[in-house]
């Protein structure tokens, strides 16, 4: 079986500890960054678009080859990467006909600040 190609572009939110004077428990500091991840996926997917958010801890999380698993649902996408980052977001209308569990591997192509 030939793998399909999944191309993702995400807006990033870095889980970044703040200085003690600015700590807000559970706070996620948004960064203005867009990244690209190109991957194989284990099954054919319908074409979809989504404004996704990628949450990560360190710039190193967004480098090299990574495996992932998750769901591309009727109205949402949720992927978890083996090294910690998570990608979530609503699918743009009309969404997909049915939900799919997906797994695969890919690489971070570039990061644009």
Protein backbone atom coordinates (compact mmCIF):
# COMPACT_ATOMS: atom_id res chain seq x y z
CA UNK A 1 0.00 0.00 0.00
CA UNK A 2 1.39 3.40 -0.96
CA UNK A 3 1.21 6.07 1.71
CA UNK A 4 -0.54 9.35 1.10
CA UNK A 5 1.21 12.65 1.82
CA UNK A 6 0.00 14.95 4.58
CA UNK A 7 1.19 18.58 4.43
CA UNK A 8 0.52 20.73 7.47
CA UNK A 9 1.11 24.41 8.17
CA UNK A 10 0.48 25.48 11.75
CA UNK A 11 0.34 28.55 13.97
CA UNK A 12 2.48 27.91 17.04
CA UNK A 13 1.95 28.29 20.75
CA UNK A 14 5.01 27.62 22.86
CA UNK A 15 4.59 26.22 26.35
CA UNK A 16 7.08 28.67 27.76
CA UNK A 17 7.68 29.15 31.47
CA UNK A 18 7.34 32.79 32.40
CA UNK A 19 9.49 34.62 34.93
CA UNK A 20 8.14 34.29 38.50
CA UNK A 21 6.86 37.86 38.38
CA UNK A 22 4.67 37.05 35.35
CA UNK A 23 3.56 33.48 36.12
CA UNK A 24 -0.03 32.62 35.36
CA UNK A 25 -0.68 28.91 35.97
CA UNK A 26 -1.50 27.11 32.76
CA UNK A 27 -0.55 30.11 30.63
CA UNK A 28 0.57 29.43 27.08
CA UNK A 29 2.54 32.26 25.51
CA UNK A 30 1.63 32.57 21.81
CA UNK A 31 4.40 33.15 19.30
CA UNK A 32 3.98 34.53 15.82
CA UNK A 33 5.48 31.60 13.96
CA UNK A 34 4.33 29.32 11.17
CA UNK A 35 5.85 25.89 10.66
CA UNK A 36 5.48 23.21 8.00
CA UNK A 37 5.43 19.43 8.49
CA UNK A 38 5.32 17.01 5.56
CA UNK A 39 4.47 13.41 6.39
CA UNK A 40 3.30 10.07 5.16
CA UNK A 41 -0.14 9.03 6.37
CA UNK A 42 -1.41 5.46 6.63
CA UNK A 43 -4.57 5.87 4.55
CA UNK A 44 -6.05 8.04 1.82
CA UNK A 45 -7.67 11.21 3.15
CA UNK A 46 -10.09 13.57 1.52
CA UNK A 47 -8.66 17.03 0.93
CA UNK A 48 -9.34 19.41 3.83
CA UNK A 49 -8.28 22.77 5.19
CA UNK A 50 -7.97 23.82 8.81
CA UNK A 51 -6.59 26.70 10.86
CA UNK A 52 -4.58 24.55 13.28
CA UNK A 53 -2.63 25.39 16.42
CA UNK A 54 0.59 23.60 17.31
CA UNK A 55 1.59 23.54 20.98
CA UNK A 56 5.22 22.68 21.81
CA UNK A 57 7.81 23.15 24.55
CA UNK A 58 11.04 23.92 22.71
CA UNK A 59 12.31 24.86 19.25
CA UNK A 60 13.99 21.44 19.20
CA UNK A 61 10.53 19.85 19.19
CA UNK A 62 10.04 21.21 15.67
CA UNK A 63 13.12 19.69 14.05
CA UNK A 64 14.01 16.40 12.39
CA UNK A 65 11.91 13.36 11.64
CA UNK A 66 8.98 12.63 13.95
CA UNK A 67 6.19 10.10 14.21
CA UNK A 68 2.62 11.10 15.02
CA UNK A 69 -0.79 9.60 15.71
CA UNK A 70 -4.23 11.09 15.97
CA UNK A 71 -7.59 11.70 14.38
CA UNK A 72 -8.75 13.67 11.40
CA UNK A 73 -12.41 13.88 12.30
CA UNK A 74 -15.51 15.13 10.63
CA UNK A 75 -14.98 18.61 12.05
CA UNK A 76 -11.60 18.59 13.87
CA UNK A 77 -7.99 17.46 13.57
CA UNK A 78 -5.97 16.31 16.59
CA UNK A 79 -2.43 14.96 16.23
CA UNK A 80 0.14 14.10 18.91
CA UNK A 81 3.83 13.83 18.04
CA UNK A 82 6.15 11.27 19.66
CA UNK A 83 8.30 14.01 21.21
CA UNK A 84 5.49 16.00 22.86
CA UNK A 85 3.95 18.60 20.52
CA UNK A 86 0.22 18.52 19.81
CA UNK A 87 -1.65 19.91 16.82
CA UNK A 88 -5.37 20.73 17.06
CA UNK A 89 -7.95 22.72 15.17
CA UNK A 90 -11.36 22.79 13.54
CA UNK A 91 -11.70 21.69 9.92
CA UNK A 92 -13.06 24.32 7.57
CA UNK A 93 -16.54 23.63 6.15
CA UNK A 94 -17.66 21.25 4.82
CA UNK A 95 -15.28 19.06 6.88
CA UNK A 96 -14.94 15.36 6.07
CA UNK A 97 -17.53 12.66 5.52
CA UNK A 98 -16.16 10.52 8.37
CA UNK A 99 -13.45 10.48 11.03
CA UNK A 100 -10.11 8.74 10.38
CA UNK A 101 -7.45 7.51 12.81
CA UNK A 102 -4.07 8.37 11.31
CA UNK A 103 -0.46 7.44 12.03
CA UNK A 104 2.71 8.21 10.17
CA UNK A 105 6.13 9.81 10.11
CA UNK A 106 7.37 13.03 8.63
CA UNK A 107 9.80 15.87 8.92
CA UNK A 108 9.68 19.53 9.79
CA UNK A 109 10.39 21.37 6.54
CA UNK A 110 11.00 24.90 7.78
CA UNK A 111 10.02 27.44 10.38
CA UNK A 112 9.22 31.01 9.46
CA UNK A 113 9.24 33.65 12.19
